N, C-alpha and C. Protein backbone atom coordinates (compact mmCIF):
# COMPACT_ATOMS: atom_id res chain seq x y z
N UNK A 1 -74.29 -26.66 12.87
CA UNK A 1 -73.22 -25.38 12.57
C UNK A 1 -72.06 -26.14 12.11
N UNK A 2 -71.43 -27.53 12.05
CA UNK A 2 -70.64 -27.74 11.42
C UNK A 2 -70.42 -27.85 10.12
N UNK A 3 -71.46 -28.17 9.44
CA UNK A 3 -71.69 -27.78 8.08
C UNK A 3 -71.55 -26.30 7.76
N UNK A 4 -72.21 -25.10 8.28
CA UNK A 4 -71.86 -24.01 8.16
C UNK A 4 -70.61 -23.86 8.31
N UNK A 5 -69.75 -23.94 9.16
CA UNK A 5 -68.40 -24.00 9.11
C UNK A 5 -67.31 -24.46 7.92
N UNK A 6 -67.76 -25.59 7.84
CA UNK A 6 -67.40 -26.70 6.62
C UNK A 6 -67.72 -25.63 5.09
N UNK A 7 -68.62 -25.19 5.10
CA UNK A 7 -69.57 -24.32 3.87
C UNK A 7 -68.40 -23.07 3.71
N UNK A 8 -68.13 -22.21 4.77
CA UNK A 8 -67.54 -21.15 5.19
C UNK A 8 -65.74 -21.35 4.84
N UNK A 9 -65.54 -22.24 5.34
CA UNK A 9 -63.93 -22.66 4.96
C UNK A 9 -64.03 -23.09 3.27
N UNK A 10 -64.26 -23.50 3.11
CA UNK A 10 -64.60 -24.17 1.63
C UNK A 10 -64.30 -23.05 0.62
N UNK A 11 -65.53 -22.21 1.14
CA UNK A 11 -65.84 -21.09 -0.08
C UNK A 11 -64.61 -20.17 0.30
N UNK A 12 -63.92 -19.79 1.54
CA UNK A 12 -62.53 -19.28 1.60
C UNK A 12 -61.66 -19.76 0.80
N UNK A 13 -61.71 -20.90 0.85
CA UNK A 13 -59.99 -21.64 0.03
C UNK A 13 -60.66 -21.67 -1.38
N UNK A 14 -61.72 -21.75 -1.85
CA UNK A 14 -61.78 -21.93 -3.43
C UNK A 14 -62.22 -20.24 -3.87
N UNK A 15 -62.39 -19.08 -2.68
CA UNK A 15 -62.11 -17.94 -3.28
C UNK A 15 -60.87 -17.30 -3.32
N UNK A 16 -59.68 -18.23 -3.00
CA UNK A 16 -58.32 -17.97 -3.25
C UNK A 16 -58.04 -18.51 -4.50
N UNK A 17 -58.66 -19.29 -5.11
CA UNK A 17 -58.00 -20.18 -6.43
C UNK A 17 -58.88 -19.30 -7.39
N UNK A 18 -59.41 -17.94 -7.54
CA UNK A 18 -59.57 -17.34 -8.63
C UNK A 18 -58.69 -16.76 -9.49
N UNK A 19 -58.87 -15.93 -10.19
CA UNK A 19 -57.98 -15.89 -11.52
C UNK A 19 -56.67 -14.83 -10.35
N UNK A 20 -55.56 -15.56 -11.01
CA UNK A 20 -54.57 -14.27 -10.36
C UNK A 20 -54.08 -13.41 -11.32
N UNK A 21 -53.56 -12.33 -10.64
CA UNK A 21 -52.71 -11.24 -11.48
C UNK A 21 -51.64 -11.66 -11.19
N UNK A 22 -50.53 -11.21 -12.69
CA UNK A 22 -49.49 -11.70 -13.04
C UNK A 22 -48.66 -10.22 -13.23
N UNK A 23 -47.53 -10.29 -12.52
CA UNK A 23 -46.61 -9.32 -13.26
C UNK A 23 -45.83 -9.61 -14.07
N UNK A 24 -45.36 -8.65 -14.98
CA UNK A 24 -44.31 -8.82 -16.19
C UNK A 24 -42.76 -9.07 -15.36
N UNK A 25 -42.02 -9.69 -15.41
CA UNK A 25 -40.77 -9.75 -14.90
C UNK A 25 -39.45 -9.28 -16.13
N UNK A 26 -39.41 -8.26 -15.92
CA UNK A 26 -38.24 -7.73 -17.01
C UNK A 26 -37.09 -8.23 -16.51
N UNK A 27 -36.52 -9.15 -17.73
CA UNK A 27 -34.94 -9.21 -17.37
C UNK A 27 -34.00 -7.92 -17.38
N UNK A 28 -32.86 -7.88 -16.20
CA UNK A 28 -31.83 -7.07 -15.99
C UNK A 28 -30.97 -7.35 -17.38
N UNK A 29 -30.49 -6.53 -18.13
CA UNK A 29 -30.10 -6.62 -19.24
C UNK A 29 -28.20 -7.17 -19.11
N UNK A 30 -27.29 -7.96 -19.17
CA UNK A 30 -26.43 -8.17 -18.81
C UNK A 30 -25.05 -7.86 -19.73
N UNK A 31 -24.60 -7.01 -19.21
CA UNK A 31 -23.39 -6.33 -20.08
C UNK A 31 -22.88 -6.86 -20.84
N UNK A 32 -22.49 -6.44 -22.05
CA UNK A 32 -22.11 -7.17 -23.32
C UNK A 32 -20.76 -6.28 -23.27
N UNK A 33 -19.85 -7.44 -23.45
CA UNK A 33 -18.72 -6.65 -23.62
C UNK A 33 -18.16 -6.65 -25.10
N UNK A 34 -17.33 -5.69 -25.49
CA UNK A 34 -17.19 -5.63 -27.04
C UNK A 34 -15.96 -4.90 -26.67
N UNK A 35 -14.77 -4.82 -28.18
CA UNK A 35 -13.63 -4.73 -28.36
C UNK A 35 -13.92 -3.25 -28.76
N UNK A 36 -12.69 -2.39 -28.35
CA UNK A 36 -12.54 -0.70 -28.59
C UNK A 36 -11.82 -0.85 -30.01
N UNK A 37 -12.08 0.19 -31.11
CA UNK A 37 -11.61 0.35 -32.40
C UNK A 37 -10.14 0.91 -31.41
N UNK A 38 -9.25 0.96 -31.80
CA UNK A 38 -7.90 1.68 -32.06
C UNK A 38 -8.22 3.24 -31.92
N UNK A 39 -9.20 3.86 -32.81
CA UNK A 39 -9.74 5.22 -32.71
C UNK A 39 -10.17 5.75 -31.11
N UNK A 40 -10.70 4.76 -30.71
CA UNK A 40 -11.81 4.69 -29.56
C UNK A 40 -10.96 4.77 -28.65
N UNK A 41 -9.75 4.20 -28.42
CA UNK A 41 -9.26 4.12 -26.90
C UNK A 41 -8.85 5.65 -26.60
N UNK A 42 -9.37 5.77 -25.28
CA UNK A 42 -8.82 6.73 -24.14
C UNK A 42 -7.16 6.71 -24.16
N UNK A 43 -6.38 7.96 -23.90
CA UNK A 43 -5.27 8.32 -23.26
C UNK A 43 -5.45 7.68 -21.91
N UNK A 44 -4.60 6.95 -21.42
CA UNK A 44 -4.75 6.61 -19.78
C UNK A 44 -3.19 6.77 -19.63
N UNK A 45 -2.93 7.88 -18.29
CA UNK A 45 -1.45 8.26 -17.70
C UNK A 45 -1.94 7.78 -16.36
N UNK A 46 -0.34 7.56 -15.61
CA UNK A 46 -0.62 7.17 -14.22
C UNK A 46 0.82 7.56 -13.79
N UNK A 47 0.68 8.79 -13.13
CA UNK A 47 1.68 9.47 -12.75
C UNK A 47 1.73 9.14 -11.21
N UNK A 48 3.43 9.60 -10.65
CA UNK A 48 3.74 9.72 -8.99
C UNK A 48 3.82 10.62 -8.21
N UNK A 49 3.30 11.04 -7.03
CA UNK A 49 4.06 12.02 -6.45
C UNK A 49 5.17 11.79 -6.31
N UNK A 50 6.16 12.96 -5.81
CA UNK A 50 7.61 12.56 -5.83
C UNK A 50 7.76 11.43 -4.70
N UNK A 51 6.93 11.46 -3.53
CA UNK A 51 7.25 10.20 -2.58
C UNK A 51 6.84 9.18 -2.86
N UNK A 52 6.09 8.75 -3.48
CA UNK A 52 5.40 7.73 -3.93
C UNK A 52 4.25 6.92 -3.30
N UNK A 53 3.62 7.96 -2.51
CA UNK A 53 2.41 7.87 -1.85
C UNK A 53 1.08 7.90 -2.23
N UNK A 54 1.08 8.54 -3.47
CA UNK A 54 0.06 9.27 -4.15
C UNK A 54 0.33 9.03 -5.65
N UNK A 55 -1.05 7.97 -6.16
CA UNK A 55 -1.03 8.20 -7.87
C UNK A 55 -1.66 9.69 -8.13
N UNK A 56 -1.45 9.49 -9.53
CA UNK A 56 -2.25 10.62 -10.58
C UNK A 56 -2.66 9.69 -11.71
N UNK A 57 -3.91 9.14 -11.90
CA UNK A 57 -4.67 8.89 -12.87
C UNK A 57 -5.47 9.79 -13.67
N UNK A 58 -4.86 9.85 -15.00
CA UNK A 58 -5.63 10.79 -16.13
C UNK A 58 -6.29 9.98 -17.39
N UNK A 59 -7.41 10.12 -17.46
CA UNK A 59 -7.59 9.46 -18.80
C UNK A 59 -8.50 10.74 -19.37
N UNK A 60 -8.00 11.01 -20.84
CA UNK A 60 -8.31 11.71 -21.63
C UNK A 60 -8.84 10.91 -22.89
N UNK A 61 -9.30 11.83 -23.86
CA UNK A 61 -9.70 11.78 -25.11
C UNK A 61 -10.95 10.75 -25.13
N UNK A 62 -11.83 10.61 -23.98
CA UNK A 62 -13.21 9.75 -23.99
C UNK A 62 -13.91 9.69 -24.59
N UNK A 63 -14.10 8.47 -25.47
CA UNK A 63 -15.36 8.59 -26.65
C UNK A 63 -16.55 9.20 -25.90
N UNK A 64 -17.39 9.62 -26.73
CA UNK A 64 -18.90 10.47 -26.65
C UNK A 64 -19.39 9.48 -26.18
N UNK A 65 -19.52 8.35 -26.49
CA UNK A 65 -20.29 6.98 -26.26
C UNK A 65 -20.56 6.59 -24.91
N UNK A 66 -19.41 6.66 -23.70
CA UNK A 66 -18.70 6.53 -22.75
C UNK A 66 -19.86 7.12 -21.58
N UNK A 67 -20.39 6.44 -20.99
CA UNK A 67 -21.23 7.09 -19.95
C UNK A 67 -20.78 6.95 -18.47
N UNK A 68 -19.54 5.96 -18.17
CA UNK A 68 -18.84 5.98 -16.58
C UNK A 68 -17.75 5.42 -17.14
N UNK A 69 -17.51 5.30 -15.77
CA UNK A 69 -15.50 4.28 -15.76
C UNK A 69 -15.48 3.75 -14.72
N UNK A 70 -15.38 2.83 -15.08
CA UNK A 70 -14.84 1.97 -13.40
C UNK A 70 -13.35 1.95 -13.59
N UNK A 71 -12.53 1.85 -12.30
CA UNK A 71 -10.90 1.67 -12.31
C UNK A 71 -11.04 0.79 -10.95
N UNK A 72 -10.05 0.08 -11.22
CA UNK A 72 -9.38 -0.89 -9.86
C UNK A 72 -7.88 -0.95 -10.22
N UNK A 73 -7.51 -0.14 -9.46
CA UNK A 73 -5.78 -0.28 -9.06
C UNK A 73 -5.45 -1.87 -7.73
N UNK A 74 -4.82 -2.52 -8.17
CA UNK A 74 -4.45 -3.63 -7.63
C UNK A 74 -2.76 -3.61 -7.42
N UNK A 75 -2.40 -3.91 -6.09
CA UNK A 75 -0.75 -3.65 -5.84
C UNK A 75 -0.89 -4.69 -4.44
N UNK A 76 0.98 -5.01 -4.45
CA UNK A 76 1.30 -5.31 -2.99
C UNK A 76 1.95 -4.62 -2.36
N UNK A 77 1.70 -4.75 -1.34
CA UNK A 77 2.30 -4.03 -0.36
C UNK A 77 3.34 -4.39 1.08
N UNK A 78 4.15 -4.45 1.65
CA UNK A 78 4.42 -4.77 2.51
C UNK A 78 4.04 -4.64 4.11
N UNK A 79 3.70 -5.46 4.36
CA UNK A 79 3.23 -4.92 5.87
C UNK A 79 3.65 -6.09 7.22
N UNK A 80 4.14 -5.75 7.92
CA UNK A 80 4.55 -6.41 9.29
C UNK A 80 5.58 -7.93 8.70
N UNK A 81 6.05 -7.27 7.95
CA UNK A 81 7.43 -8.56 7.11
C UNK A 81 6.18 -9.46 6.01
N UNK A 82 5.14 -9.59 5.66
CA UNK A 82 4.48 -9.64 4.87
C UNK A 82 3.76 -9.37 3.82
N UNK A 83 3.59 -9.97 2.54
CA UNK A 83 3.46 -9.23 1.50
C UNK A 83 1.94 -9.63 1.58
N UNK A 84 1.35 -8.40 0.99
CA UNK A 84 -0.47 -8.27 1.36
C UNK A 84 -1.11 -7.86 -0.07
N UNK A 85 -1.73 -7.90 -0.61
CA UNK A 85 -2.63 -7.39 -1.75
C UNK A 85 -3.41 -6.46 -1.47
N UNK A 86 -3.22 -5.15 -1.72
CA UNK A 86 -3.91 -4.20 -1.35
C UNK A 86 -4.96 -3.32 -3.06
N UNK A 87 -5.70 -3.14 -2.62
CA UNK A 87 -6.30 -2.24 -3.82
C UNK A 87 -7.45 -1.14 -3.50
N UNK A 88 -7.30 -0.24 -4.68
CA UNK A 88 -8.54 0.81 -4.49
C UNK A 88 -9.08 0.91 -5.97
N UNK A 89 -10.64 1.53 -6.20
CA UNK A 89 -11.44 1.60 -6.92
C UNK A 89 -12.54 2.33 -6.66
N UNK A 90 -13.29 2.62 -8.24
CA UNK A 90 -14.46 3.43 -8.32
C UNK A 90 -15.09 3.55 -9.42
N UNK A 91 -16.37 4.18 -9.48
CA UNK A 91 -17.19 3.92 -10.62
C UNK A 91 -17.27 5.80 -10.88
N UNK A 92 -16.68 6.61 -12.00
CA UNK A 92 -17.05 7.63 -12.26
C UNK A 92 -17.77 7.74 -13.65
N UNK A 93 -18.58 9.21 -13.74
CA UNK A 93 -19.72 9.48 -14.05
C UNK A 93 -18.54 10.14 -15.00
N UNK A 94 -18.82 10.08 -16.51
CA UNK A 94 -17.97 10.64 -17.40
C UNK A 94 -19.12 12.13 -17.86
N UNK A 95 -18.48 13.42 -17.89
CA UNK A 95 -18.90 14.67 -18.08
C UNK A 95 -17.71 15.23 -19.23
N UNK A 96 -17.90 15.05 -20.26
CA UNK A 96 -16.70 15.92 -20.86
C UNK A 96 -15.81 14.42 -21.55
N UNK A 97 -14.19 14.97 -22.14
CA UNK A 97 -13.55 14.29 -22.60
C UNK A 97 -12.59 13.84 -21.78
N UNK A 98 -12.55 14.00 -20.76
CA UNK A 98 -11.63 13.74 -19.75
C UNK A 98 -11.83 13.63 -18.40
N UNK A 99 -10.71 12.74 -17.57
CA UNK A 99 -11.34 13.14 -16.02
C UNK A 99 -10.00 12.49 -15.19
N UNK A 100 -9.66 12.52 -14.25
CA UNK A 100 -8.77 12.40 -13.42
C UNK A 100 -9.18 12.26 -11.89
N UNK A 101 -8.00 11.39 -11.15
CA UNK A 101 -8.27 10.80 -9.76
C UNK A 101 -7.54 10.78 -9.06
N UNK A 102 -7.25 11.01 -7.69
CA UNK A 102 -5.71 10.68 -7.10
C UNK A 102 -6.13 9.52 -6.62
N UNK A 103 -4.90 8.86 -6.64
CA UNK A 103 -5.20 7.65 -5.95
C UNK A 103 -4.38 7.67 -4.60
N UNK A 104 -4.79 7.27 -3.21
CA UNK A 104 -3.74 6.99 -2.13
C UNK A 104 -3.80 5.75 -2.33
N UNK A 105 -2.17 5.60 -1.99
CA UNK A 105 -1.89 4.00 -1.77
C UNK A 105 -1.41 4.22 -0.37
N UNK A 106 -2.46 3.92 0.69
CA UNK A 106 -2.71 3.51 2.09
C UNK A 106 -4.21 3.80 2.26
N UNK A 107 -4.61 4.43 3.87
CA UNK A 107 -5.72 5.03 3.94
C UNK A 107 -5.30 6.45 5.07
N UNK A 108 -6.79 6.87 4.76
CA UNK A 108 -6.77 8.10 5.40
C UNK A 108 -7.67 8.30 6.25
N UNK A 109 -7.61 9.16 7.60
CA UNK A 109 -8.82 8.88 8.65
C UNK A 109 -8.61 10.47 8.82
N UNK A 110 -9.68 11.17 8.75
CA UNK A 110 -9.74 12.59 8.73
C UNK A 110 -10.92 12.68 9.65
N UNK A 111 -11.28 12.11 11.09
CA UNK A 111 -12.19 12.43 11.98
C UNK A 111 -12.34 13.73 12.88
N UNK A 112 -10.40 13.55 13.13
CA UNK A 112 -10.47 14.84 13.87
C UNK A 112 -8.96 14.79 13.53
N UNK A 113 -9.19 15.77 12.50
CA UNK A 113 -8.09 16.14 11.89
C UNK A 113 -7.42 14.97 10.64
N UNK A 114 -6.87 15.22 9.60
CA UNK A 114 -6.38 14.07 8.65
C UNK A 114 -5.16 13.50 9.07
N UNK A 115 -5.02 12.42 9.22
CA UNK A 115 -4.08 11.39 9.60
C UNK A 115 -3.98 10.30 8.46
N UNK A 116 -2.66 9.70 7.93
CA UNK A 116 -2.58 8.66 6.65
C UNK A 116 -1.70 7.84 7.13
N UNK A 117 -1.76 6.33 6.56
CA UNK A 117 -1.07 5.52 6.98
C UNK A 117 -0.77 5.06 5.42
N UNK A 118 0.61 5.37 5.03
CA UNK A 118 1.12 4.82 3.61
C UNK A 118 1.56 3.32 3.76
N UNK A 119 1.19 2.83 2.48
CA UNK A 119 1.38 1.10 2.07
C UNK A 119 2.89 1.31 1.45
N UNK A 120 3.55 0.64 2.48
CA UNK A 120 5.33 0.07 1.91
C UNK A 120 5.48 -0.82 1.01
N UNK A 121 6.56 -0.54 0.58
CA UNK A 121 7.16 -1.90 -0.50
C UNK A 121 6.59 -1.91 -1.51
N UNK A 122 5.88 -0.98 -2.23
CA UNK A 122 5.27 -1.10 -3.74
C UNK A 122 5.96 -1.02 -4.82
N UNK A 123 6.02 -1.78 -5.60
CA UNK A 123 6.71 -2.16 -6.90
C UNK A 123 6.25 -1.73 -7.87
N UNK A 124 4.82 -2.38 -8.09
CA UNK A 124 3.87 -2.28 -8.84
C UNK A 124 2.68 -2.91 -9.04
N UNK A 125 1.81 -2.88 -9.92
CA UNK A 125 0.62 -3.71 -9.83
C UNK A 125 0.14 -3.73 -11.42
N UNK A 126 -1.14 -3.67 -11.16
CA UNK A 126 -2.29 -3.50 -12.30
C UNK A 126 -3.46 -2.37 -12.03
N UNK A 127 -3.83 -1.85 -13.23
CA UNK A 127 -4.72 -0.99 -13.32
C UNK A 127 -6.17 -1.48 -14.44
N UNK A 128 -7.15 -1.70 -13.70
CA UNK A 128 -8.27 -2.42 -14.38
C UNK A 128 -8.80 -1.30 -15.12
N UNK A 129 -9.44 -0.79 -16.28
CA UNK A 129 -10.01 0.50 -16.59
C UNK A 129 -11.77 -0.38 -17.41
N UNK A 130 -12.49 -0.04 -16.72
CA UNK A 130 -13.60 -0.64 -17.53
C UNK A 130 -14.21 0.63 -18.11
N UNK A 131 -14.59 0.96 -19.74
CA UNK A 131 -15.25 1.80 -20.08
C UNK A 131 -16.86 1.41 -20.26
N UNK A 132 -17.86 1.67 -20.01
CA UNK A 132 -19.36 1.59 -19.42
C UNK A 132 -20.04 2.51 -20.58
N UNK A 133 -20.72 1.90 -21.79
CA UNK A 133 -20.96 2.72 -22.74
C UNK A 133 -22.93 3.34 -22.28
N UNK A 134 -23.51 3.94 -23.00
CA UNK A 134 -24.79 4.56 -22.93
C UNK A 134 -25.76 3.31 -22.77
N UNK A 135 -25.15 2.21 -23.51
CA UNK A 135 -26.47 0.69 -23.78
C UNK A 135 -25.55 -0.12 -22.75
N UNK A 136 -25.10 0.18 -21.62
CA UNK A 136 -24.63 -0.79 -20.75
C UNK A 136 -23.56 -1.91 -21.60
N UNK A 137 -23.07 -1.76 -22.52
CA UNK A 137 -21.99 -2.33 -23.12
C UNK A 137 -20.54 -2.07 -22.16
N UNK A 138 -19.51 -2.92 -22.33
CA UNK A 138 -18.50 -2.77 -21.09
C UNK A 138 -17.57 -3.22 -22.26
N UNK A 139 -16.29 -2.16 -22.17
CA UNK A 139 -15.04 -2.54 -22.65
C UNK A 139 -13.72 -2.57 -21.84
N UNK A 140 -13.60 -3.98 -21.26
CA UNK A 140 -12.06 -3.57 -20.36
C UNK A 140 -11.13 -3.13 -21.31
N UNK A 141 -10.09 -2.72 -20.21
CA UNK A 141 -8.66 -2.19 -20.73
C UNK A 141 -8.01 -2.59 -19.73
N UNK A 142 -6.76 -3.18 -19.55
CA UNK A 142 -5.88 -3.52 -18.38
C UNK A 142 -4.49 -3.23 -18.60
N UNK A 143 -3.89 -2.18 -17.62
CA UNK A 143 -2.43 -2.02 -17.92
C UNK A 143 -2.02 -2.48 -16.61
N UNK A 144 -0.48 -2.81 -16.93
CA UNK A 144 0.57 -3.30 -15.50
C UNK A 144 1.41 -1.90 -15.55
N UNK A 145 1.79 -1.43 -14.03
CA UNK A 145 2.44 -0.72 -14.08
C UNK A 145 3.39 -0.97 -13.07
N UNK A 146 4.48 -0.10 -12.67
CA UNK A 146 5.75 -0.22 -11.83
C UNK A 146 6.20 1.02 -11.15
N UNK A 147 6.44 0.64 -10.12
CA UNK A 147 6.88 1.99 -9.16
C UNK A 147 8.26 1.93 -8.64
N UNK A 148 9.10 3.26 -9.26
CA UNK A 148 10.51 2.63 -8.61
C UNK A 148 11.14 3.99 -8.20
N UNK A 149 12.31 4.28 -7.17
CA UNK A 149 12.32 5.25 -6.79
C UNK A 149 13.62 5.67 -8.04
N UNK A 150 13.90 6.82 -8.11
CA UNK A 150 14.85 7.06 -9.12
C UNK A 150 16.01 7.53 -8.66
N UNK A 151 17.10 6.57 -8.84
CA UNK A 151 18.43 6.71 -7.97
C UNK A 151 19.04 8.26 -7.73
N UNK A 152 18.87 8.79 -8.88
CA UNK A 152 19.22 10.17 -9.55
C UNK A 152 18.53 11.14 -8.42
N UNK A 153 17.48 11.38 -8.90
CA UNK A 153 16.38 12.01 -8.38
C UNK A 153 16.19 12.18 -6.64
N UNK A 154 15.63 10.94 -6.72
CA UNK A 154 14.72 10.69 -5.60
C UNK A 154 13.90 10.48 -5.40
N UNK A 155 13.27 10.52 -6.34
CA UNK A 155 11.44 10.90 -6.55
C UNK A 155 11.19 9.15 -7.52
N UNK A 156 10.19 8.89 -6.95
CA UNK A 156 9.26 7.88 -7.74
C UNK A 156 8.97 8.01 -8.82
N UNK A 157 9.23 7.14 -9.81
CA UNK A 157 8.58 7.37 -11.00
C UNK A 157 7.86 6.16 -12.04
N UNK A 158 6.39 6.41 -12.00
CA UNK A 158 5.54 5.25 -12.90
C UNK A 158 5.64 4.96 -14.18
N UNK A 159 6.07 3.68 -14.40
CA UNK A 159 5.74 2.86 -15.73
C UNK A 159 4.27 2.35 -15.61
N UNK A 160 3.74 2.67 -17.23
CA UNK A 160 2.56 2.24 -17.45
C UNK A 160 2.34 1.15 -18.67
N UNK A 161 2.40 -0.38 -18.90
CA UNK A 161 2.42 -0.41 -19.84
C UNK A 161 0.92 -1.81 -20.23
N UNK A 162 1.10 -2.06 -21.18
CA UNK A 162 -0.29 -3.04 -21.51
C UNK A 162 -0.02 -4.15 -20.77
N UNK A 163 -1.20 -4.96 -20.14
CA UNK A 163 -0.63 -6.01 -19.65
C UNK A 163 -0.12 -7.21 -19.97
N UNK A 164 -0.34 -7.33 -21.17
CA UNK A 164 0.44 -8.20 -21.89
C UNK A 164 1.77 -8.17 -22.54
N UNK A 165 2.00 -7.04 -22.52
CA UNK A 165 3.54 -6.59 -22.91
C UNK A 165 4.09 -6.95 -21.49
N UNK A 166 5.66 -7.37 -21.80
CA UNK A 166 7.02 -7.22 -20.58
C UNK A 166 6.98 -6.50 -20.09
N UNK A 167 7.24 -5.62 -18.89
CA UNK A 167 7.34 -4.75 -18.23
C UNK A 167 9.02 -4.28 -18.18
N UNK A 168 8.83 -3.03 -18.53
CA UNK A 168 10.15 -2.47 -18.60
C UNK A 168 11.01 -2.65 -17.58
N UNK A 169 12.31 -2.84 -17.64
CA UNK A 169 13.24 -3.26 -16.50
C UNK A 169 14.60 -2.27 -16.41
N UNK A 170 14.64 -1.65 -17.73
CA UNK A 170 15.68 -0.69 -17.65
C UNK A 170 15.50 0.68 -16.55
N UNK A 171 16.32 1.19 -16.15
CA UNK A 171 16.82 2.15 -15.14
C UNK A 171 17.13 3.27 -15.95
């Protein structure tokens, strides 16, 4: 009986050593960064609602080879006397040559009627835009923005500049 058990165990183990099926593993392509030609750069505008609690992002003249656009807005806000980095972002599918997005500088809760908590003390930050092509290539664009209250009109105004350029300090 022991010999039969030993033969069955050995047969079972040897059966498992037969030909194995292998599956082909296809590597996930890594996005490749490329430099945009001047003619392919979209127009990017950032404006503010009069009270400075909402920014309006508009991207136009988007090249036809762009499938989606990722954006990230980073800024510092004051909360309980401390400066805190905040941000928001999303990925937008491109359908056409322009798109726009409203960017709330704060939080919104709409469970039982909408309530807003606006971030305070914002003076500027960074806008990162990434154009993603249909071939999964990426072209990053970085801008800096300043948010200032106009002393005459009491409305908030946004100045958008290339990230490597010095910010405009004139009023």
